[in-house]
All heavy atoms as atom14 arrays in JSON, in Angstrom:
{
  "sequence": "SFKLAALTFTAGLLTVAAIEDMISEAHESG",
  "atom14_mask": [
    [1, 1, 1, 1, 1, 1, 0, 0, 0, 0, 0, 0, 0, 0],
    [1, 1, 1, 1, 1, 1, 1, 1, 1, 1, 1, 0, 0, 0],
    [1, 1, 1, 1, 1, 1, 1, 1, 1, 0, 0, 0, 0, 0],
    [1, 1, 1, 1, 1, 1, 1, 1, 0, 0, 0, 0, 0, 0],
    [1, 1, 1, 1, 1, 0, 0, 0, 0, 0, 0, 0, 0, 0],
    [1, 1, 1, 1, 1, 0, 0, 0, 0, 0, 0, 0, 0, 0],
    [1, 1, 1, 1, 1, 1, 1, 1, 0, 0, 0, 0, 0, 0],
    [1, 1, 1, 1, 1, 1, 1, 0, 0, 0, 0, 0, 0, 0],
    [1, 1, 1, 1, 1, 1, 1, 1, 1, 1, 1, 0, 0, 0],
    [1, 1, 1, 1, 1, 1, 1, 0, 0, 0, 0, 0, 0, 0],
    [1, 1, 1, 1, 1, 0, 0, 0, 0, 0, 0, 0, 0, 0],
    [1, 1, 1, 1, 0, 0, 0, 0, 0, 0, 0, 0, 0, 0],
    [1, 1, 1, 1, 1, 1, 1, 1, 0, 0, 0, 0, 0, 0],
    [1, 1, 1, 1, 1, 1, 1, 1, 0, 0, 0, 0, 0, 0],
    [1, 1, 1, 1, 1, 1, 1, 0, 0, 0, 0, 0, 0, 0],
    [1, 1, 1, 1, 1, 1, 1, 0, 0, 0, 0, 0, 0, 0],
    [1, 1, 1, 1, 1, 0, 0, 0, 0, 0, 0, 0, 0, 0],
    [1, 1, 1, 1, 1, 0, 0, 0, 0, 0, 0, 0, 0, 0],
    [1, 1, 1, 1, 1, 1, 1, 1, 0, 0, 0, 0, 0, 0],
    [1, 1, 1, 1, 1, 1, 1, 1, 1, 0, 0, 0, 0, 0],
    [1, 1, 1, 1, 1, 1, 1, 1, 0, 0, 0, 0, 0, 0],
    [1, 1, 1, 1, 1, 1, 1, 1, 0, 0, 0, 0, 0, 0],
    [1, 1, 1, 1, 1, 1, 1, 1, 0, 0, 0, 0, 0, 0],
    [1, 1, 1, 1, 1, 1, 0, 0, 0, 0, 0, 0, 0, 0],
    [1, 1, 1, 1, 1, 1, 1, 1, 1, 0, 0, 0, 0, 0],
    [1, 1, 1, 1, 1, 0, 0, 0, 0, 0, 0, 0, 0, 0],
    [1, 1, 1, 1, 1, 1, 1, 1, 1, 1, 0, 0, 0, 0],
    [1, 1, 1, 1, 1, 1, 1, 1, 1, 0, 0, 0, 0, 0],
    [1, 1, 1, 1, 1, 1, 0, 0, 0, 0, 0, 0, 0, 0],
    [1, 1, 1, 1, 0, 0, 0, 0, 0, 0, 0, 0, 0, 0]
  ],
  "atom14_positions": [
    [[19.1, -8.02, 8.12], [18.66, -6.64, 8.05], [18.22, -6.25, 6.64], [17.27, -5.48, 6.46], [19.78, -5.7, 8.51], [20.94, -5.86, 7.68], [0.0, 0.0, 0.0], [0.0, 0.0, 0.0], [0.0, 0.0, 0.0], [0.0, 0.0, 0.0], [0.0, 0.0, 0.0], [0.0, 0.0, 0.0], [0.0, 0.0, 0.0], [0.0, 0.0, 0.0]],
    [[18.89, -6.81, 5.62], [18.51, -6.52, 4.24], [17.15, -7.11, 3.92], [16.32, -6.48, 3.25], [19.57, -7.1, 3.29], [19.37, -6.71, 1.85], [19.94, -5.56, 1.34], [18.6, -7.5, 1.01], [19.75, -5.19, 0.02], [18.4, -7.15, -0.32], [18.98, -5.98, -0.81], [0.0, 0.0, 0.0], [0.0, 0.0, 0.0], [0.0, 0.0, 0.0]],
    [[16.9, -8.34, 4.38], [15.6, -8.96, 4.16], [14.48, -8.14, 4.8], [13.43, -7.91, 4.2], [15.58, -10.38, 4.75], [16.59, -11.33, 4.15], [16.55, -12.66, 4.89], [17.64, -13.6, 4.43], [17.65, -14.87, 5.2], [0.0, 0.0, 0.0], [0.0, 0.0, 0.0], [0.0, 0.0, 0.0], [0.0, 0.0, 0.0], [0.0, 0.0, 0.0]],
    [[14.71, -7.7, 6.02], [13.68, -6.95, 6.74], [13.47, -5.57, 6.12], [12.35, -5.06, 6.08], [14.07, -6.82, 8.22], [14.11, -8.14, 8.99], [14.59, -7.91, 10.41], [12.72, -8.79, 9.0], [0.0, 0.0, 0.0], [0.0, 0.0, 0.0], [0.0, 0.0, 0.0], [0.0, 0.0, 0.0], [0.0, 0.0, 0.0], [0.0, 0.0, 0.0]],
    [[14.55, -4.96, 5.62], [14.41, -3.68, 4.94], [13.59, -3.84, 3.66], [12.77, -2.98, 3.32], [15.78, -3.1, 4.61], [0.0, 0.0, 0.0], [0.0, 0.0, 0.0], [0.0, 0.0, 0.0], [0.0, 0.0, 0.0], [0.0, 0.0, 0.0], [0.0, 0.0, 0.0], [0.0, 0.0, 0.0], [0.0, 0.0, 0.0], [0.0, 0.0, 0.0]],
    [[13.77, -4.97, 2.96], [12.97, -5.23, 1.76], [11.5, -5.39, 2.11], [10.61, -4.91, 1.39], [13.5, -6.49, 1.06], [0.0, 0.0, 0.0], [0.0, 0.0, 0.0], [0.0, 0.0, 0.0], [0.0, 0.0, 0.0], [0.0, 0.0, 0.0], [0.0, 0.0, 0.0], [0.0, 0.0, 0.0], [0.0, 0.0, 0.0], [0.0, 0.0, 0.0]],
    [[11.22, -6.05, 3.22], [9.83, -6.2, 3.66], [9.23, -4.85, 4.04], [8.05, -4.58, 3.76], [9.76, -7.17, 4.84], [10.08, -8.63, 4.56], [9.97, -9.46, 5.83], [9.19, -9.2, 3.48], [0.0, 0.0, 0.0], [0.0, 0.0, 0.0], [0.0, 0.0, 0.0], [0.0, 0.0, 0.0], [0.0, 0.0, 0.0], [0.0, 0.0, 0.0]],
    [[10.03, -3.99, 4.66], [9.55, -2.66, 5.04], [9.28, -1.82, 3.8], [8.3, -1.07, 3.74], [10.58, -1.95, 5.93], [10.94, -2.81, 7.01], [10.0, -0.67, 6.49], [0.0, 0.0, 0.0], [0.0, 0.0, 0.0], [0.0, 0.0, 0.0], [0.0, 0.0, 0.0], [0.0, 0.0, 0.0], [0.0, 0.0, 0.0], [0.0, 0.0, 0.0]],
    [[10.14, -1.92, 2.8], [9.91, -1.26, 1.52], [8.57, -1.7, 0.94], [7.77, -0.89, 0.45], [11.06, -1.6, 0.57], [10.91, -1.05, -0.82], [11.38, 0.22, -1.13], [10.32, -1.8, -1.82], [11.25, 0.74, -2.42], [10.18, -1.3, -3.1], [10.65, -0.02, -3.4], [0.0, 0.0, 0.0], [0.0, 0.0, 0.0], [0.0, 0.0, 0.0]],
    [[8.3, -2.99, 1.0], [7.04, -3.53, 0.51], [5.87, -2.99, 1.31], [4.79, -2.73, 0.76], [7.05, -5.07, 0.59], [8.19, -5.57, -0.11], [5.79, -5.66, -0.02], [0.0, 0.0, 0.0], [0.0, 0.0, 0.0], [0.0, 0.0, 0.0], [0.0, 0.0, 0.0], [0.0, 0.0, 0.0], [0.0, 0.0, 0.0], [0.0, 0.0, 0.0]],
    [[6.07, -2.82, 2.61], [5.0, -2.27, 3.45], [4.63, -0.86, 3.0], [3.44, -0.49, 3.01], [5.44, -2.25, 4.91], [0.0, 0.0, 0.0], [0.0, 0.0, 0.0], [0.0, 0.0, 0.0], [0.0, 0.0, 0.0], [0.0, 0.0, 0.0], [0.0, 0.0, 0.0], [0.0, 0.0, 0.0], [0.0, 0.0, 0.0], [0.0, 0.0, 0.0]],
    [[5.62, -0.07, 2.6], [5.33, 1.26, 2.09], [4.51, 1.21, 0.81], [3.56, 1.96, 0.63], [0.0, 0.0, 0.0], [0.0, 0.0, 0.0], [0.0, 0.0, 0.0], [0.0, 0.0, 0.0], [0.0, 0.0, 0.0], [0.0, 0.0, 0.0], [0.0, 0.0, 0.0], [0.0, 0.0, 0.0], [0.0, 0.0, 0.0], [0.0, 0.0, 0.0]],
    [[4.88, 0.3, -0.1], [4.11, 0.11, -1.32], [2.67, -0.27, -1.01], [1.72, 0.29, -1.57], [4.75, -0.98, -2.18], [6.07, -0.67, -2.9], [6.67, -1.95, -3.46], [5.85, 0.33, -4.02], [0.0, 0.0, 0.0], [0.0, 0.0, 0.0], [0.0, 0.0, 0.0], [0.0, 0.0, 0.0], [0.0, 0.0, 0.0], [0.0, 0.0, 0.0]],
    [[2.5, -1.25, -0.13], [1.17, -1.75, 0.2], [0.28, -0.69, 0.83], [-0.91, -0.57, 0.51], [1.28, -2.94, 1.15], [1.79, -4.25, 0.57], [1.98, -5.28, 1.68], [0.82, -4.79, -0.47], [0.0, 0.0, 0.0], [0.0, 0.0, 0.0], [0.0, 0.0, 0.0], [0.0, 0.0, 0.0], [0.0, 0.0, 0.0], [0.0, 0.0, 0.0]],
    [[0.85, 0.08, 1.74], [0.06, 1.08, 2.45], [-0.47, 2.15, 1.5], [-1.66, 2.52, 1.54], [0.9, 1.74, 3.56], [1.36, 0.72, 4.47], [0.07, 2.74, 4.33], [0.0, 0.0, 0.0], [0.0, 0.0, 0.0], [0.0, 0.0, 0.0], [0.0, 0.0, 0.0], [0.0, 0.0, 0.0], [0.0, 0.0, 0.0], [0.0, 0.0, 0.0]],
    [[0.4, 2.65, 0.64], [-0.04, 3.65, -0.33], [-1.05, 3.06, -1.31], [-2.05, 3.7, -1.66], [1.16, 4.24, -1.1], [0.69, 5.24, -2.14], [2.13, 4.91, -0.13], [0.0, 0.0, 0.0], [0.0, 0.0, 0.0], [0.0, 0.0, 0.0], [0.0, 0.0, 0.0], [0.0, 0.0, 0.0], [0.0, 0.0, 0.0], [0.0, 0.0, 0.0]],
    [[-0.83, 1.82, -1.73], [-1.76, 1.16, -2.65], [-3.14, 1.04, -2.02], [-4.17, 1.3, -2.66], [-1.24, -0.21, -3.04], [0.0, 0.0, 0.0], [0.0, 0.0, 0.0], [0.0, 0.0, 0.0], [0.0, 0.0, 0.0], [0.0, 0.0, 0.0], [0.0, 0.0, 0.0], [0.0, 0.0, 0.0], [0.0, 0.0, 0.0], [0.0, 0.0, 0.0]],
    [[-3.19, 0.65, -0.75], [-4.47, 0.45, -0.08], [-5.21, 1.76, 0.13], [-6.42, 1.86, -0.14], [-4.26, -0.24, 1.28], [0.0, 0.0, 0.0], [0.0, 0.0, 0.0], [0.0, 0.0, 0.0], [0.0, 0.0, 0.0], [0.0, 0.0, 0.0], [0.0, 0.0, 0.0], [0.0, 0.0, 0.0], [0.0, 0.0, 0.0], [0.0, 0.0, 0.0]],
    [[-4.5, 2.8, 0.57], [-5.15, 4.06, 0.92], [-5.45, 4.89, -0.32], [-6.57, 5.4, -0.49], [-4.27, 4.87, 1.89], [-4.03, 4.07, 3.18], [-4.93, 6.21, 2.21], [-5.28, 3.67, 3.91], [0.0, 0.0, 0.0], [0.0, 0.0, 0.0], [0.0, 0.0, 0.0], [0.0, 0.0, 0.0], [0.0, 0.0, 0.0], [0.0, 0.0, 0.0]],
    [[-4.47, 5.05, -1.2], [-4.62, 5.96, -2.32], [-5.45, 5.4, -3.47], [-6.11, 6.16, -4.17], [-3.24, 6.36, -2.84], [-2.49, 7.29, -1.91], [-3.22, 8.6, -1.68], [-3.73, 9.18, -2.66], [-3.29, 9.03, -0.52], [0.0, 0.0, 0.0], [0.0, 0.0, 0.0], [0.0, 0.0, 0.0], [0.0, 0.0, 0.0], [0.0, 0.0, 0.0]],
    [[-5.41, 4.08, -3.67], [-6.11, 3.53, -4.83], [-7.3, 2.66, -4.45], [-8.39, 2.83, -5.0], [-5.13, 2.75, -5.71], [-4.26, 3.69, -6.53], [-4.82, 4.46, -7.31], [-3.05, 3.67, -6.37], [0.0, 0.0, 0.0], [0.0, 0.0, 0.0], [0.0, 0.0, 0.0], [0.0, 0.0, 0.0], [0.0, 0.0, 0.0], [0.0, 0.0, 0.0]],
    [[-7.12, 1.72, -3.54], [-8.24, 0.85, -3.2], [-9.37, 1.62, -2.52], [-10.54, 1.51, -2.91], [-7.76, -0.3, -2.31], [-6.89, -1.3, -3.02], [-6.41, -2.67, -1.97], [-5.42, -3.62, -3.14], [0.0, 0.0, 0.0], [0.0, 0.0, 0.0], [0.0, 0.0, 0.0], [0.0, 0.0, 0.0], [0.0, 0.0, 0.0], [0.0, 0.0, 0.0]],
    [[-9.04, 2.42, -1.52], [-10.08, 3.18, -0.82], [-10.64, 4.28, -1.72], [-11.87, 4.5, -1.76], [-9.52, 3.8, 0.48], [-9.17, 2.7, 1.48], [-10.53, 4.76, 1.08], [-10.35, 1.87, 1.94], [0.0, 0.0, 0.0], [0.0, 0.0, 0.0], [0.0, 0.0, 0.0], [0.0, 0.0, 0.0], [0.0, 0.0, 0.0], [0.0, 0.0, 0.0]],
    [[-9.79, 4.94, -2.47], [-10.27, 5.98, -3.39], [-11.22, 5.4, -4.44], [-12.28, 5.97, -4.72], [-9.09, 6.67, -4.08], [-8.28, 7.35, -3.14], [0.0, 0.0, 0.0], [0.0, 0.0, 0.0], [0.0, 0.0, 0.0], [0.0, 0.0, 0.0], [0.0, 0.0, 0.0], [0.0, 0.0, 0.0], [0.0, 0.0, 0.0], [0.0, 0.0, 0.0]],
    [[-10.84, 4.27, -4.99], [-11.7, 3.63, -5.99], [-12.99, 3.12, -5.36], [-14.05, 3.13, -5.99], [-10.95, 2.48, -6.66], [-11.7, 1.83, -7.81], [-11.94, 2.78, -8.98], [-11.2, 3.77, -9.1], [-12.88, 2.53, -9.76], [0.0, 0.0, 0.0], [0.0, 0.0, 0.0], [0.0, 0.0, 0.0], [0.0, 0.0, 0.0], [0.0, 0.0, 0.0]],
    [[-12.93, 2.69, -4.1], [-14.14, 2.25, -3.4], [-15.13, 3.4, -3.29], [-16.34, 3.24, -3.5], [-13.78, 1.73, -2.0], [0.0, 0.0, 0.0], [0.0, 0.0, 0.0], [0.0, 0.0, 0.0], [0.0, 0.0, 0.0], [0.0, 0.0, 0.0], [0.0, 0.0, 0.0], [0.0, 0.0, 0.0], [0.0, 0.0, 0.0], [0.0, 0.0, 0.0]],
    [[-14.63, 4.6, -2.97], [-15.49, 5.77, -2.86], [-16.1, 6.17, -4.2], [-17.24, 6.63, -4.27], [-14.7, 6.94, -2.27], [-14.28, 6.71, -0.86], [-13.28, 7.44, -0.25], [-14.71, 5.82, 0.08], [-13.12, 7.02, 1.0], [-13.96, 6.03, 1.21], [0.0, 0.0, 0.0], [0.0, 0.0, 0.0], [0.0, 0.0, 0.0], [0.0, 0.0, 0.0]],
    [[-15.32, 5.97, -5.27], [-15.83, 6.3, -6.6], [-16.82, 5.26, -7.11], [-17.69, 5.58, -7.93], [-14.66, 6.42, -7.58], [-13.72, 7.58, -7.29], [-12.53, 7.62, -8.23], [-12.52, 6.8, -9.18], [-11.63, 8.45, -8.03], [0.0, 0.0, 0.0], [0.0, 0.0, 0.0], [0.0, 0.0, 0.0], [0.0, 0.0, 0.0], [0.0, 0.0, 0.0]],
    [[-16.69, 4.02, -6.65], [-17.53, 2.94, -7.15], [-18.94, 3.0, -6.61], [-19.9, 2.64, -7.3], [-16.91, 1.58, -6.81], [-15.63, 1.47, -7.37], [0.0, 0.0, 0.0], [0.0, 0.0, 0.0], [0.0, 0.0, 0.0], [0.0, 0.0, 0.0], [0.0, 0.0, 0.0], [0.0, 0.0, 0.0], [0.0, 0.0, 0.0], [0.0, 0.0, 0.0]],
    [[-19.08, 3.43, -5.38], [-20.4, 3.48, -4.76], [-20.36, 4.32, -3.51], [-19.31, 4.47, -2.87], [0.0, 0.0, 0.0], [0.0, 0.0, 0.0], [0.0, 0.0, 0.0], [0.0, 0.0, 0.0], [0.0, 0.0, 0.0], [0.0, 0.0, 0.0], [0.0, 0.0, 0.0], [0.0, 0.0, 0.0], [0.0, 0.0, 0.0], [0.0, 0.0, 0.0]]
  ]
}
């Protein structure tokens, strides 16, 4: 359960990174 909770924590990091920074920067780039 601890391992899976760590993976879920990572999923939260990844999701915000993809939506807030990668997509936002994509819109600013072109």
